[in-house]
Amino acid sequence: MRARSAISVQRTRDVSFATQPQFNRAGTVAIMQVYPSSAPQDKATEDLVHRLRDRVTPGAATGNDVKVYVGGVTAAAEDFAEYTSSRLPLFMGAVLVLSFLFLLVVFRSILVPLKAVVMNLLSIGAAYGVVVAAFQWGWGKELLGIGKAGPVEAWAPMFLFAVVFGLSMDYEVFLLSRIREEYERTRNNATAVADGLAVTARVITSAAAIMICVFGSFVFGDEYSLRLFGLGLAVAVFVDATIVRLVLVPATMELLGDWNWWIPRWLDRLLPQVHIGGSESLDRELAELSLERERAPVA
């Protein structure tokens, strides 16, 4: 058993050297160290982990009740990456659905929440693309001082998605709240979009500039994970506050017109009434305006 295991592992492709199994005193547990011919973060090393688990170790345990496991730092990192990747679609789906439902209740619209979710994904996609290009493909690594390119950390996609989506949704709600107030006041979609953007553009741009400076400073740190995190967030905030929030969102709302605020009557009756900042004061202003119109003399 001992010799067969060592020989089968040693003959495996991409294995540089494998030690003989080292047993404990009771002879019930043994450890064999395997040294790959590639670097720990190389794709070949990841393939070797799968090859050992799928082909080599099952054959070594054939004909007896021995259980064989492939462990170590590389194997643990691969397991964590696979687990995170398998849960990422569920995590993203839950965030997108809950965000859509929240915006549906607040803004009483079908298209506005759908548009908001899609627009937020654009910022996240831009962050993913730049991070992969810089840290995995090595584009501009000399400028950023990244060093050797390699796989993106397994935690990065989920972590970036959560933070970026939260920041993007904050900008979205801030902009849409003002546009909705103007629309309720004027009942003119074009005027509401223009006035809402004019009021919020300076605030959004200023807040984004501060965050870009903060996140961008992370890129010049010494910690690899902090650089990755900072670059992804800085790019996402820049894209969201400029291209998405100041161009794409107003343009799509202008094209959709009054359809932005359409919702089936039966659904509107089912949804609870939720007020966000400014809505209650707006309702009072509209009520006072309606009362003044009723009292105004008719010529």
Protein backbone atom coordinates (compact mmCIF):
# COMPACT_ATOMS: atom_id res chain seq x y z
CA MET A 1 0.00 0.00 0.00
CA ARG A 2 2.75 2.43 1.00
CA ALA A 3 4.90 1.77 -2.09
CA ARG A 4 1.94 1.74 -4.47
CA SER A 5 0.71 5.11 -3.20
CA ALA A 6 4.12 6.74 -3.50
CA ILE A 7 4.72 5.38 -7.00
CA SER A 8 1.28 6.36 -8.31
CA VAL A 9 1.61 9.88 -6.95
CA GLN A 10 5.20 10.28 -8.15
CA ARG A 11 4.21 9.29 -11.69
CA THR A 12 1.40 11.84 -11.82
CA ARG A 13 1.88 14.63 -14.31
CA ASP A 14 3.09 17.96 -12.85
CA VAL A 15 4.39 16.26 -9.68
CA SER A 16 8.02 17.16 -9.02
CA PHE A 17 8.57 15.00 -5.94
CA ALA A 18 6.52 12.95 -3.48
CA THR A 19 7.73 11.68 -0.11
CA GLN A 20 7.07 8.26 1.32
CA PRO A 21 4.01 8.03 3.59
CA GLN A 22 4.84 8.93 7.21
CA PHE A 23 2.65 6.98 9.66
CA ASN A 24 1.73 7.82 13.23
CA ARG A 25 2.67 5.45 16.06
CA ALA A 26 -0.59 3.55 15.83
CA GLY A 27 -0.20 3.13 12.10
CA THR A 28 -3.70 4.46 11.44
CA VAL A 29 -2.85 7.80 9.81
CA ALA A 30 -0.20 8.65 7.24
CA ILE A 31 0.92 11.88 5.58
CA MET A 32 2.56 12.15 2.19
CA GLN A 33 3.95 15.46 0.99
CA VAL A 34 3.65 16.21 -2.72
CA TYR A 35 5.64 19.00 -4.39
CA PRO A 36 4.25 20.30 -7.69
CA SER A 37 6.46 21.37 -10.55
CA SER A 38 4.50 24.63 -10.89
CA ALA A 39 3.92 27.62 -8.61
CA PRO A 40 1.16 27.41 -5.97
CA GLN A 41 -1.14 29.87 -7.79
CA ASP A 42 -0.58 28.51 -11.29
CA LYS A 43 -3.44 26.89 -13.18
CA ALA A 44 -1.34 23.73 -13.49
CA THR A 45 -1.24 23.37 -9.71
CA GLU A 46 -5.02 23.68 -9.48
CA ASP A 47 -5.37 21.03 -12.18
CA LEU A 48 -2.98 18.80 -10.23
CA VAL A 49 -5.19 18.99 -7.14
CA HIS A 50 -8.19 17.86 -9.16
CA ARG A 51 -6.14 15.15 -10.88
CA LEU A 52 -4.97 13.71 -7.57
CA ARG A 53 -8.48 13.73 -6.14
CA ASP A 54 -10.29 12.38 -9.18
CA ARG A 55 -7.82 9.83 -10.57
CA VAL A 56 -4.87 9.03 -8.32
CA THR A 57 -6.18 8.79 -4.77
CA PRO A 58 -9.25 6.65 -5.64
CA GLY A 59 -6.94 4.08 -7.24
CA ALA A 60 -4.60 4.08 -4.25
CA ALA A 61 -7.48 3.23 -1.92
CA THR A 62 -8.96 0.49 -4.10
CA GLY A 63 -9.34 -2.86 -2.37
CA ASN A 64 -9.18 -1.58 1.22
CA ASP A 65 -11.02 0.71 3.60
CA VAL A 66 -8.42 3.47 3.49
CA LYS A 67 -9.67 7.03 3.07
CA VAL A 68 -7.38 9.36 1.14
CA TYR A 69 -7.62 13.15 1.26
CA VAL A 70 -5.73 15.84 -0.62
CA GLY A 71 -5.05 18.85 1.60
CA GLY A 72 -2.64 21.71 2.01
CA VAL A 73 -2.80 25.43 1.36
CA THR A 74 -3.34 25.11 -2.40
CA ALA A 75 -6.08 22.51 -2.02
CA ALA A 76 -7.81 24.54 0.70
CA ALA A 77 -7.70 27.66 -1.46
CA GLU A 78 -9.16 25.72 -4.37
CA ASP A 79 -11.95 24.35 -2.17
CA PHE A 80 -12.76 27.83 -0.90
CA ALA A 81 -12.81 29.20 -4.45
CA GLU A 82 -15.16 26.47 -5.65
CA TYR A 83 -17.48 26.93 -2.67
CA THR A 84 -17.58 30.70 -3.12
CA SER A 85 -18.18 30.39 -6.86
CA SER A 86 -21.06 27.99 -6.32
CA ARG A 87 -22.73 30.38 -3.86
CA LEU A 88 -22.06 33.57 -5.82
CA PRO A 89 -25.07 33.26 -8.19
CA LEU A 90 -27.40 32.66 -5.23
CA PHE A 91 -25.96 35.64 -3.40
CA MET A 92 -26.25 37.91 -6.42
CA GLY A 93 -29.76 36.71 -7.18
CA ALA A 94 -30.94 37.38 -3.63
CA VAL A 95 -29.47 40.90 -3.63
CA LEU A 96 -30.96 41.75 -7.03
CA VAL A 97 -34.42 40.44 -6.18
CA LEU A 98 -34.56 42.16 -2.79
CA SER A 99 -33.34 45.43 -4.30
CA PHE A 100 -35.96 45.23 -7.03
CA LEU A 101 -38.73 44.61 -4.50
CA PHE A 102 -37.57 47.46 -2.28
CA LEU A 103 -37.50 49.95 -5.16
CA LEU A 104 -40.84 48.62 -6.40
CA VAL A 105 -42.45 49.45 -3.07
CA VAL A 106 -40.78 52.85 -2.70
CA PHE A 107 -41.20 54.23 -6.22
CA ARG A 108 -44.42 52.42 -7.23
CA SER A 109 -43.02 51.49 -10.63
CA ILE A 110 -42.02 48.42 -12.62
CA LEU A 111 -39.45 49.87 -15.01
CA VAL A 112 -37.60 52.11 -12.54
CA PRO A 113 -36.51 49.22 -10.26
CA LEU A 114 -35.64 47.04 -13.25
CA LYS A 115 -33.56 49.81 -14.79
CA ALA A 116 -31.84 50.49 -11.48
CA VAL A 117 -30.78 46.86 -11.07
CA VAL A 118 -29.43 46.69 -14.63
CA MET A 119 -27.54 49.97 -14.30
CA ASN A 120 -25.93 48.89 -11.04
CA LEU A 121 -24.70 45.72 -12.73
CA LEU A 122 -22.86 47.85 -15.29
CA SER A 123 -20.71 49.43 -12.58
CA ILE A 124 -20.00 46.04 -11.05
CA GLY A 125 -19.08 44.60 -14.44
CA ALA A 126 -16.65 47.46 -15.05
CA ALA A 127 -15.00 46.83 -11.68
CA TYR A 128 -14.68 43.10 -12.39
CA GLY A 129 -13.17 43.76 -15.80
CA VAL A 130 -10.52 46.19 -14.59
CA VAL A 131 -9.55 43.99 -11.64
CA VAL A 132 -9.14 40.92 -13.86
CA ALA A 133 -7.22 42.88 -16.50
CA ALA A 134 -4.80 44.35 -13.95
CA PHE A 135 -4.31 41.56 -11.42
CA GLN A 136 -4.90 38.42 -13.50
CA TRP A 137 -3.80 39.44 -17.00
CA GLY A 138 -1.12 41.86 -15.84
CA TRP A 139 -2.25 44.92 -17.81
CA GLY A 140 -0.51 47.97 -16.35
CA LYS A 141 1.01 45.99 -13.50
CA GLU A 142 4.23 48.00 -13.68
CA LEU A 143 2.31 51.25 -13.35
CA LEU A 144 0.28 49.95 -10.42
CA GLY A 145 3.21 48.13 -8.85
CA ILE A 146 1.29 44.86 -8.67
CA GLY A 147 4.22 42.58 -9.39
CA LYS A 148 3.51 39.11 -10.75
CA ALA A 149 0.04 38.59 -12.21
CA GLY A 150 -2.03 35.72 -10.89
CA PRO A 151 -5.58 34.55 -10.18
CA VAL A 152 -7.92 36.99 -8.48
CA GLU A 153 -8.62 36.16 -4.85
CA ALA A 154 -11.71 33.98 -4.43
CA TRP A 155 -13.36 36.36 -1.99
CA ALA A 156 -13.01 39.40 -4.26
CA PRO A 157 -16.03 38.94 -6.60
CA MET A 158 -18.55 38.49 -3.80
CA PHE A 159 -17.04 41.20 -1.62
CA LEU A 160 -16.84 43.72 -4.45
CA PHE A 161 -20.39 42.93 -5.53
CA ALA A 162 -21.79 43.59 -2.07
CA VAL A 163 -19.96 46.88 -1.52
CA VAL A 164 -20.33 48.26 -5.05
CA PHE A 165 -24.01 47.37 -5.30
CA GLY A 166 -24.67 49.12 -2.00
CA LEU A 167 -22.87 52.28 -3.11
CA SER A 168 -24.57 52.24 -6.51
CA MET A 169 -27.99 51.77 -4.98
CA ASP A 170 -27.35 54.71 -2.66
CA TYR A 171 -26.69 56.98 -5.64
CA GLU A 172 -29.68 55.52 -7.48
CA VAL A 173 -32.14 56.12 -4.66
CA PHE A 174 -30.80 59.63 -4.12
CA LEU A 175 -31.26 60.54 -7.79
CA LEU A 176 -34.59 58.79 -8.30
CA SER A 177 -36.08 60.29 -5.15
CA ARG A 178 -35.52 63.78 -6.47
CA ILE A 179 -36.79 62.90 -9.94
CA ARG A 180 -39.91 61.34 -8.47
CA GLU A 181 -40.59 64.42 -6.33
CA GLU A 182 -40.37 66.63 -9.40
CA TYR A 183 -42.59 64.28 -11.38
CA GLU A 184 -45.24 64.27 -8.66
CA ARG A 185 -45.09 68.05 -8.64
CA THR A 186 -45.17 68.72 -12.40
CA ARG A 187 -46.43 65.48 -13.98
CA ASN A 188 -43.88 66.13 -16.74
CA ASN A 189 -41.28 63.38 -17.05
CA ALA A 190 -38.78 65.38 -19.12
CA THR A 191 -38.85 68.30 -16.69
CA ALA A 192 -38.59 65.96 -13.71
CA VAL A 193 -35.54 64.18 -15.10
CA ALA A 194 -33.78 67.42 -16.01
CA ASP A 195 -34.50 69.14 -12.69
CA GLY A 196 -33.72 66.05 -10.63
CA LEU A 197 -30.38 65.59 -12.35
CA ALA A 198 -29.52 69.28 -12.04
CA VAL A 199 -30.14 69.25 -8.29
CA THR A 200 -28.31 66.01 -7.49
CA ALA A 201 -25.45 65.99 -10.01
CA ARG A 202 -23.13 68.19 -7.95
CA VAL A 203 -23.72 66.21 -4.75
CA ILE A 204 -23.22 62.85 -6.47
CA THR A 205 -20.06 64.01 -8.21
CA SER A 206 -18.57 65.49 -5.05
CA ALA A 207 -19.28 62.40 -2.96
CA ALA A 208 -17.90 60.16 -5.70
CA ALA A 209 -14.71 62.22 -5.98
CA ILE A 210 -14.05 61.81 -2.27
CA MET A 211 -14.57 58.05 -2.39
CA ILE A 212 -12.44 57.67 -5.52
CA CYS A 213 -9.56 59.43 -3.76
CA VAL A 214 -9.96 57.24 -0.68
CA PHE A 215 -10.28 53.95 -2.56
CA GLY A 216 -7.61 54.95 -5.07
CA SER A 217 -5.11 55.45 -2.27
CA PHE A 218 -5.46 51.76 -1.41
CA VAL A 219 -3.86 50.87 -4.74
CA PHE A 220 -0.54 52.32 -3.59
CA GLY A 221 -0.44 50.27 -0.39
CA ASP A 222 1.70 47.22 0.27
CA GLU A 223 -1.10 44.69 0.82
CA TYR A 224 -2.16 42.76 -2.30
CA SER A 225 -5.78 42.32 -1.20
CA LEU A 226 -6.09 45.99 -0.28
CA ARG A 227 -4.82 47.01 -3.72
CA LEU A 228 -7.32 44.77 -5.44
CA PHE A 229 -10.14 46.05 -3.27
CA GLY A 230 -9.20 49.70 -3.76
CA LEU A 231 -8.83 49.49 -7.54
CA GLY A 232 -12.16 47.71 -7.98
CA LEU A 233 -14.07 50.16 -5.81
CA ALA A 234 -12.43 53.25 -7.32
CA VAL A 235 -13.29 52.14 -10.87
CA ALA A 236 -16.84 51.18 -9.90
CA VAL A 237 -17.54 54.51 -8.18
CA PHE A 238 -16.07 56.48 -11.10
CA VAL A 239 -18.14 54.62 -13.71
CA ASP A 240 -21.28 54.76 -11.60
CA ALA A 241 -21.09 58.45 -10.76
CA THR A 242 -20.25 59.58 -14.30
CA ILE A 243 -21.31 57.27 -17.11
CA VAL A 244 -24.16 55.49 -15.35
CA ARG A 245 -25.70 58.05 -13.02
CA LEU A 246 -25.19 61.21 -15.08
CA VAL A 247 -25.65 59.81 -18.61
CA LEU A 248 -27.32 56.40 -18.89
CA VAL A 249 -29.94 56.77 -16.16
CA PRO A 250 -31.27 60.17 -17.31
CA ALA A 251 -31.14 59.10 -20.96
CA THR A 252 -33.15 55.92 -20.42
CA MET A 253 -35.68 57.72 -18.23
CA GLU A 254 -36.08 60.40 -20.88
CA LEU A 255 -36.70 57.77 -23.56
CA LEU A 256 -39.19 55.82 -21.45
CA GLY A 257 -41.23 58.92 -20.63
CA ASP A 258 -44.30 58.39 -18.45
CA TRP A 259 -43.79 54.63 -18.68
CA ASN A 260 -41.16 55.07 -15.99
CA TRP A 261 -43.93 55.42 -13.41
CA TRP A 262 -46.36 52.82 -14.69
CA ILE A 263 -47.56 50.13 -12.33
CA PRO A 264 -50.64 47.87 -12.52
CA ARG A 265 -53.44 49.12 -10.31
CA TRP A 266 -53.92 45.78 -8.59
CA LEU A 267 -50.23 45.68 -7.69
CA ASP A 268 -50.29 49.27 -6.47
CA ARG A 269 -53.12 48.38 -4.09
CA LEU A 270 -51.24 45.38 -2.73
CA LEU A 271 -47.96 47.17 -2.02
CA PRO A 272 -47.49 48.87 1.36
CA GLN A 273 -47.04 52.63 1.53
CA VAL A 274 -43.42 53.52 2.26
CA HIS A 275 -42.14 57.08 2.50
CA ILE A 276 -38.52 58.02 1.96
CA GLY A 277 -36.78 61.29 2.75
CA GLY A 278 -38.72 64.23 1.33
CA SER A 279 -41.86 62.28 0.43
CA GLU A 280 -43.92 63.38 3.41
CA SER A 281 -43.07 67.06 2.91
CA LEU A 282 -43.86 66.68 -0.77
CA ASP A 283 -47.27 65.22 0.05
CA ARG A 284 -48.02 68.21 2.28
CA GLU A 285 -46.93 70.63 -0.43
CA LEU A 286 -49.12 68.90 -3.01
CA ALA A 287 -52.09 68.97 -0.63
CA GLU A 288 -51.60 72.69 0.05
CA LEU A 289 -51.26 73.38 -3.68
CA SER A 290 -54.48 71.49 -4.39
CA LEU A 291 -56.28 73.42 -1.65
CA GLU A 292 -55.08 76.76 -3.05
CA ARG A 293 -56.35 75.81 -6.48
CA GLU A 294 -59.78 75.01 -5.05
CA ARG A 295 -59.93 78.38 -3.27
CA ALA A 296 -58.72 80.37 -6.26
CA PRO A 297 -61.51 82.51 -7.82
CA VAL A 298 -62.70 81.56 -11.26
CA ALA A 299 -62.69 84.41 -13.79
